Protein backbone atom coordinates (compact mmCIF):
# COMPACT_ATOMS: atom_id res chain seq x y z
CA UNK A 1 -15.32 16.90 -1.68
CA UNK A 2 -12.15 14.82 -2.01
CA UNK A 3 -10.34 13.06 0.81
CA UNK A 4 -7.87 10.33 1.72
CA UNK A 5 -8.62 7.50 4.10
CA UNK A 6 -6.72 4.75 5.88
CA UNK A 7 -7.42 2.04 8.45
CA UNK A 8 -5.30 1.40 11.54
CA UNK A 9 -5.17 0.04 15.03
CA UNK A 10 -4.35 2.75 17.57
CA UNK A 11 -0.69 1.78 17.98
CA UNK A 12 -0.11 2.51 14.27
CA UNK A 13 -1.23 6.13 14.53
CA UNK A 14 2.37 7.45 14.08
CA UNK A 15 2.34 5.91 10.60
CA UNK A 16 -0.92 7.70 9.83
CA UNK A 17 0.67 10.96 11.04
CA UNK A 18 3.62 10.51 8.67
CA UNK A 19 1.27 9.70 5.80
CA UNK A 20 -0.81 12.79 6.58
CA UNK A 21 2.31 14.98 6.63
CA UNK A 22 3.26 13.76 3.16
CA UNK A 23 -0.27 14.37 1.86
CA UNK A 24 -0.29 17.93 3.20
CA UNK A 25 2.95 18.75 1.34
CA UNK A 26 0.94 18.94 -1.89
CA UNK A 27 -2.42 20.20 -0.64
CA UNK A 28 -2.52 22.17 2.59
CA UNK A 29 -6.28 21.61 2.93
CA UNK A 30 -6.43 17.89 2.19
CA UNK A 31 -7.90 15.77 4.99
CA UNK A 32 -7.32 12.20 6.11
CA UNK A 33 -10.10 10.01 7.47
CA UNK A 34 -8.71 7.35 9.83
CA UNK A 35 -10.74 4.32 10.85
CA UNK A 36 -9.50 2.95 14.20
CA UNK A 37 -10.57 -0.68 14.38
CA UNK A 38 -9.66 -1.39 18.00
CA UNK A 39 -11.34 1.68 19.58
CA UNK A 40 -8.26 2.54 21.67
CA UNK A 41 -7.98 6.17 22.74
CA UNK A 42 -5.36 7.73 20.46
CA UNK A 43 -5.84 11.21 21.92
CA UNK A 44 -4.40 10.07 25.24
CA UNK A 45 -1.07 9.21 23.57
CA UNK A 46 -0.72 11.55 20.58
CA UNK A 47 -1.98 14.99 19.60
CA UNK A 48 -4.38 14.72 16.66
CA UNK A 49 -3.72 17.57 14.22
CA UNK A 50 -6.52 19.43 12.42
CA UNK A 51 -7.25 17.66 9.18
CA UNK A 52 -7.12 14.15 10.62
CA UNK A 53 -10.56 12.82 11.49
CA UNK A 54 -10.71 9.72 13.65
CA UNK A 55 -13.60 7.34 13.04
CA UNK A 56 -14.20 4.69 15.71
CA UNK A 57 -15.31 1.29 14.53
CA UNK A 58 -18.33 1.65 16.81
CA UNK A 59 -19.53 4.51 14.59
CA UNK A 60 -20.02 1.94 11.83
CA UNK A 61 -22.01 -0.47 14.00
CA UNK A 62 -25.14 -1.36 12.11
CA UNK A 63 -23.63 -0.33 8.76
CA UNK A 64 -23.97 -3.06 6.16
CA UNK A 65 -21.84 -6.16 6.88
CA UNK A 66 -19.70 -4.57 9.62
CA UNK A 67 -21.20 -6.59 12.46
CA UNK A 68 -21.24 -9.76 10.34
CA UNK A 69 -17.58 -9.36 9.41
CA UNK A 70 -16.61 -8.78 13.03
CA UNK A 71 -18.45 -11.89 14.19
CA UNK A 72 -16.92 -13.97 11.43
CA UNK A 73 -13.27 -12.88 11.61
CA UNK A 74 -12.43 -11.11 14.88
CA UNK A 75 -12.01 -14.34 16.85
CA UNK A 76 -9.99 -15.94 14.01
CA UNK A 77 -7.68 -13.20 12.77
CA UNK A 78 -8.13 -9.48 13.44
CA UNK A 79 -6.21 -8.64 10.28
CA UNK A 80 -8.97 -10.31 8.26
CA UNK A 81 -11.49 -8.01 9.88
CA UNK A 82 -9.35 -4.91 9.35
CA UNK A 83 -8.63 -5.72 5.69
CA UNK A 84 -12.26 -6.53 4.97
CA UNK A 85 -13.23 -3.09 6.25
CA UNK A 86 -11.60 -1.31 3.29
CA UNK A 87 -14.56 -1.49 0.89
CA UNK A 88 -16.99 -0.75 3.70
CA UNK A 89 -15.12 2.29 5.03
CA UNK A 90 -14.72 3.75 1.54
CA UNK A 91 -18.42 3.13 0.88
CA UNK A 92 -19.37 4.69 4.21
CA UNK A 93 -17.45 7.86 3.38
CA UNK A 94 -18.89 8.09 -0.14
CA UNK A 95 -22.40 7.71 1.28
CA UNK A 96 -21.75 10.40 3.87
CA UNK A 97 -20.74 13.45 1.88
CA UNK A 98 -17.48 12.70 0.05
CA UNK A 99 -17.26 12.61 -3.74
CA UNK A 100 -13.86 11.03 -4.36
CA UNK A 101 -11.83 8.82 -2.01
CA UNK A 102 -8.26 7.62 -2.18
CA UNK A 103 -7.71 4.78 0.28
CA UNK A 104 -4.05 4.20 1.09
CA UNK A 105 -2.28 1.94 3.59
CA UNK A 106 -0.90 3.87 6.54
CA UNK A 107 2.74 2.93 5.82
CA UNK A 108 2.86 4.76 2.50
CA UNK A 109 4.40 8.17 1.88
CA UNK A 110 4.03 10.75 -0.92
CA UNK A 111 7.01 12.44 -2.57
CA UNK A 112 5.27 14.16 -5.49
CA UNK A 113 1.89 15.63 -6.36
CA UNK A 114 -0.97 13.12 -6.40
CA UNK A 115 -3.78 15.34 -7.74
CA UNK A 116 -3.83 13.50 -11.07
CA UNK A 117 -5.22 10.47 -9.20
CA UNK A 118 -8.27 12.45 -8.12
CA UNK A 119 -8.57 13.73 -11.71
CA UNK A 120 -8.60 10.14 -12.94
CA UNK A 121 -11.82 9.69 -10.97
CA UNK A 122 -13.51 12.28 -13.20
CA UNK A 123 -13.91 9.59 -15.84
CA UNK A 124 -13.47 6.37 -13.86
CA UNK A 125 -15.36 4.83 -10.94
CA UNK A 126 -12.50 2.84 -9.39
CA UNK A 127 -8.70 3.16 -9.52
CA UNK A 128 -6.35 0.21 -9.14
CA UNK A 129 -2.54 0.08 -9.08
CA UNK A 130 -0.81 -3.05 -10.44
CA UNK A 131 1.85 -4.73 -8.35
CA UNK A 132 4.14 -4.72 -11.39
CA UNK A 133 5.78 -7.91 -10.17
CA UNK A 134 8.25 -9.67 -12.44
CA UNK A 135 6.47 -10.93 -15.57
CA UNK A 136 9.33 -13.07 -16.91
CA UNK A 137 9.38 -16.62 -15.48
CA UNK A 138 12.98 -17.11 -16.63
CA UNK A 139 14.16 -14.13 -14.61
CA UNK A 140 12.49 -14.93 -11.27
CA UNK A 141 9.91 -17.69 -11.25
CA UNK A 142 8.91 -17.13 -7.61
CA UNK A 143 7.97 -13.52 -8.30
CA UNK A 144 6.28 -14.60 -11.52
CA UNK A 145 4.11 -17.12 -9.65
CA UNK A 146 3.13 -14.41 -7.16
CA UNK A 147 1.44 -12.53 -9.99
CA UNK A 148 -1.16 -15.27 -10.05
CA UNK A 149 -1.30 -16.27 -6.39
CA UNK A 150 -1.18 -12.83 -4.73
CA UNK A 151 -3.09 -10.83 -7.31
CA UNK A 152 -2.37 -8.43 -10.14
CA UNK A 153 -3.39 -5.35 -8.14
CA UNK A 154 -2.40 -3.98 -4.76
CA UNK A 155 -5.10 -3.67 -2.11
CA UNK A 156 -2.92 -1.04 -0.41
CA UNK A 157 -4.33 1.62 -2.72
CA UNK A 158 -7.87 2.00 -4.01
CA UNK A 159 -9.53 5.07 -5.50
CA UNK A 160 -13.30 5.38 -5.89
CA UNK A 161 -16.14 7.80 -6.47
CA UNK A 162 -19.87 7.29 -5.94
CA UNK A 163 -20.17 5.39 -9.22
CA UNK A 164 -17.80 2.85 -7.71
CA UNK A 165 -20.20 1.87 -4.94
CA UNK A 166 -21.45 -1.28 -6.75
CA UNK A 167 -17.85 -2.50 -7.07
CA UNK A 168 -17.14 -1.74 -3.41
CA UNK A 169 -20.30 -3.54 -2.28
CA UNK A 170 -19.35 -6.57 -4.38
CA UNK A 171 -15.86 -6.54 -2.85
CA UNK A 172 -17.24 -6.31 0.68
CA UNK A 173 -19.51 -9.29 0.09
CA UNK A 174 -16.62 -11.28 -1.39
CA UNK A 175 -14.53 -10.54 1.71
CA UNK A 176 -17.42 -11.71 3.87
CA UNK A 177 -17.58 -14.91 1.86
CA UNK A 178 -13.92 -15.82 2.37
CA UNK A 179 -10.63 -14.34 3.59
CA UNK A 180 -7.20 -15.90 4.01
CA UNK A 181 -4.81 -17.48 1.53
CA UNK A 182 -6.56 -20.22 -0.43
CA UNK A 183 -4.40 -20.86 -3.49
CA UNK A 184 -6.59 -23.73 -4.70
CA UNK A 185 -9.54 -21.36 -4.93
CA UNK A 186 -7.59 -18.41 -6.31
CA UNK A 187 -8.24 -16.31 -3.19
CA UNK A 188 -5.71 -14.22 -1.28
CA UNK A 189 -7.29 -12.22 1.55
CA UNK A 190 -9.06 -9.08 0.26
CA UNK A 191 -6.57 -8.56 -2.56
CA UNK A 192 -7.09 -11.28 -5.17
CA UNK A 193 -10.72 -10.25 -5.59
CA UNK A 194 -9.52 -7.06 -7.28
CA UNK A 195 -8.36 -9.05 -10.32
CA UNK A 196 -11.93 -9.29 -11.57
CA UNK A 197 -12.78 -5.57 -11.21
CA UNK A 198 -11.84 -4.57 -14.80
CA UNK A 199 -14.11 -7.37 -16.08
CA UNK A 200 -17.16 -6.85 -13.86
CA UNK A 201 -16.95 -3.05 -13.61
CA UNK A 202 -16.05 -1.51 -16.94
CA UNK A 203 -15.26 1.96 -15.58
CA UNK A 204 -12.40 0.57 -13.50
CA UNK A 205 -9.19 2.41 -14.37
CA UNK A 206 -5.75 0.82 -14.07
CA UNK A 207 -3.19 3.42 -12.98
CA UNK A 208 -0.20 2.86 -15.23
CA UNK A 209 1.99 5.54 -13.68
CA UNK A 210 4.87 3.40 -12.41
CA UNK A 211 5.77 5.95 -9.75
CA UNK A 212 2.66 4.95 -7.79
CA UNK A 213 2.81 2.28 -5.10
CA UNK A 214 6.51 1.54 -5.34
CA UNK A 215 7.48 -1.50 -3.29
CA UNK A 216 10.14 -4.14 -2.92
CA UNK A 217 8.08 -6.48 -5.10
CA UNK A 218 8.39 -4.35 -8.26
CA UNK A 219 12.12 -3.62 -8.25
CA UNK A 220 12.60 -5.60 -11.49
CA UNK A 221 9.64 -4.32 -13.53
CA UNK A 222 9.82 -0.76 -12.14
CA UNK A 223 13.53 -0.07 -12.27
CA UNK A 224 14.88 2.89 -10.35
CA UNK A 225 17.10 5.05 -12.56
CA UNK A 226 19.05 8.21 -11.82
CA UNK A 227 18.30 10.77 -14.54
CA UNK A 228 18.78 14.53 -14.65
CA UNK A 229 19.40 14.76 -10.92
CA UNK A 230 16.40 12.74 -9.79
CA UNK A 231 15.14 9.18 -9.52
CA UNK A 232 12.79 8.11 -12.29
CA UNK A 233 11.09 4.75 -12.57
CA UNK A 234 12.18 3.09 -15.82
CA UNK A 235 13.75 6.43 -16.67
CA UNK A 236 10.34 8.03 -17.17
CA UNK A 237 8.08 8.23 -14.10
CA UNK A 238 8.80 10.34 -11.00
CA UNK A 239 8.32 8.75 -7.59
CA UNK A 240 4.78 9.57 -6.42
CA UNK A 241 4.40 7.33 -3.38
CA UNK A 242 6.33 4.48 -1.81
CA UNK A 243 5.02 1.62 0.32
CA UNK A 244 7.39 1.52 3.31
CA UNK A 245 6.42 -1.87 4.68
CA UNK A 246 9.02 -4.03 6.43
CA UNK A 247 10.14 -5.65 3.19
CA UNK A 248 10.69 -2.31 1.45
CA UNK A 249 12.68 -0.88 4.34
CA UNK A 250 14.74 -4.04 4.67
CA UNK A 251 15.47 -4.09 0.93
CA UNK A 252 16.70 -0.49 0.97
CA UNK A 253 18.84 -0.92 4.09
CA UNK A 254 20.46 -4.04 2.73
CA UNK A 255 21.63 -2.02 -0.27
CA UNK A 256 19.40 -3.73 -2.84
CA UNK A 257 17.46 -0.55 -3.65
CA UNK A 258 20.07 2.12 -3.03
CA UNK A 259 18.52 4.89 -5.12
CA UNK A 260 15.55 4.92 -2.75
CA UNK A 261 17.69 5.37 0.36
CA UNK A 262 17.18 9.18 0.44
CA UNK A 263 13.44 8.58 0.25
CA UNK A 264 13.59 6.24 3.23
CA UNK A 265 15.71 8.79 5.13
CA UNK A 266 13.07 11.47 4.52
CA UNK A 267 10.30 9.11 5.59
CA UNK A 268 12.15 8.19 8.78
CA UNK A 269 12.80 11.86 9.59
CA UNK A 270 9.14 12.81 9.19
CA UNK A 271 7.97 9.68 11.00
CA UNK A 272 10.14 10.34 14.02
CA UNK A 273 8.81 13.88 14.37
CA UNK A 274 5.95 12.11 16.15
CA UNK A 275 8.37 11.23 18.95
CA UNK A 276 8.30 7.53 18.07
CA UNK A 277 11.25 5.66 16.58
CA UNK A 278 10.61 3.94 13.27
CA UNK A 279 12.64 1.01 14.60
CA UNK A 280 9.88 0.42 17.14
CA UNK A 281 7.65 -0.58 14.23
CA UNK A 282 10.19 -2.06 11.82
CA UNK A 283 12.35 -4.42 13.81
CA UNK A 284 14.69 -4.97 10.86
CA UNK A 285 16.05 -1.42 11.00
CA UNK A 286 18.46 -1.62 13.93
CA UNK A 287 20.49 -4.68 12.82
CA UNK A 288 21.01 -3.23 9.35
CA UNK A 289 22.02 0.20 10.59
CA UNK A 290 24.58 -1.32 12.98
CA UNK A 291 25.91 -3.85 10.47
CA UNK A 292 29.55 -3.48 9.51
CA UNK A 293 30.95 -2.97 6.04
CA UNK A 294 31.75 -6.67 5.56
CA UNK A 295 28.23 -7.76 6.44
CA UNK A 296 26.68 -5.15 4.16
CA UNK A 297 28.95 -6.27 1.35
CA UNK A 298 27.74 -9.82 1.81
CA UNK A 299 24.16 -8.65 1.57
CA UNK A 300 24.90 -6.85 -1.68
CA UNK A 301 26.35 -9.97 -3.27
CA UNK A 302 23.00 -11.72 -3.29
CA UNK A 303 24.40 -14.93 -4.72
CA UNK A 304 21.01 -16.34 -5.50
CA UNK A 305 20.12 -13.34 -7.63
CA UNK A 306 23.39 -13.54 -9.50
CA UNK A 307 22.83 -17.20 -10.29
CA UNK A 308 19.35 -16.42 -11.56
CA UNK A 309 20.69 -13.69 -13.81
CA UNK A 310 23.32 -16.06 -15.16
CA UNK A 311 20.73 -18.73 -15.92
CA UNK A 312 18.44 -16.13 -17.48
CA UNK A 313 21.25 -14.91 -19.76
CA UNK A 314 22.15 -18.48 -20.66
CA UNK A 315 18.52 -19.33 -21.47
CA UNK A 316 18.24 -16.36 -23.81
CA UNK A 317 21.30 -17.59 -25.75
CA UNK A 318 19.95 -21.12 -26.18
């Protein structure tokens, strides 16, 4: 049996609802397993539709490393605990009846069929999506450095089947060892550990479909192009799913990623069917919607980016 899963605190349930709605567009029977790490009662605030299964963190009490991770991180930073639960929750589901799992952050949204990702797990144990951050230091050195400090792969999406359990267990133990941003040690929360997966676990598959996990960070490597009446990434790949975190939404609203504006509009429409305003979660939305033409024009200028492009062009000529 195949399923999706995500991890939230109760106040983020509207995001999980929007994600679920996008998943159901392409498979009316697909289910979403939602781990609620703060044990708040979602049912008292929102109706839970059939197909969404809530898992309380208390249901995992006694499961390997859960208690140890809570004791280590909950009093320091709850995000560390929540992020470190990814490999454990995926493992828990695989060990309790599911064959293939796609973990996805709750603020993502699907626009095209994703079934090929489950098919990839027919011959691979783990799926990873690259960040596709800028790989040219002359174009944007800050983004280039982030390749090596933040990790090659996004921890916002992980696919796995039962053969991926050794990799997931290794990842969980690594998260227990250390979380946080420790550049000197080459560690960045739960994410940087993924860099070693293709080396340690040879059946790891790197998803090279550039329409997967589109974010503000890959606007240079994964260029949005209008072709034959639709948006294609680098003129080739349809948009499969977008990561609508605060940075992505802000980038679109400021006019820096204009071709994705209809995608954001659709996401906002579906999101607000829950009765909650997206602006309640993304504080950047209201100022940009109300901004006048002059202010928006200033945003589009992006002087720093223009200077970088000039220097990049000059460097190529030298």
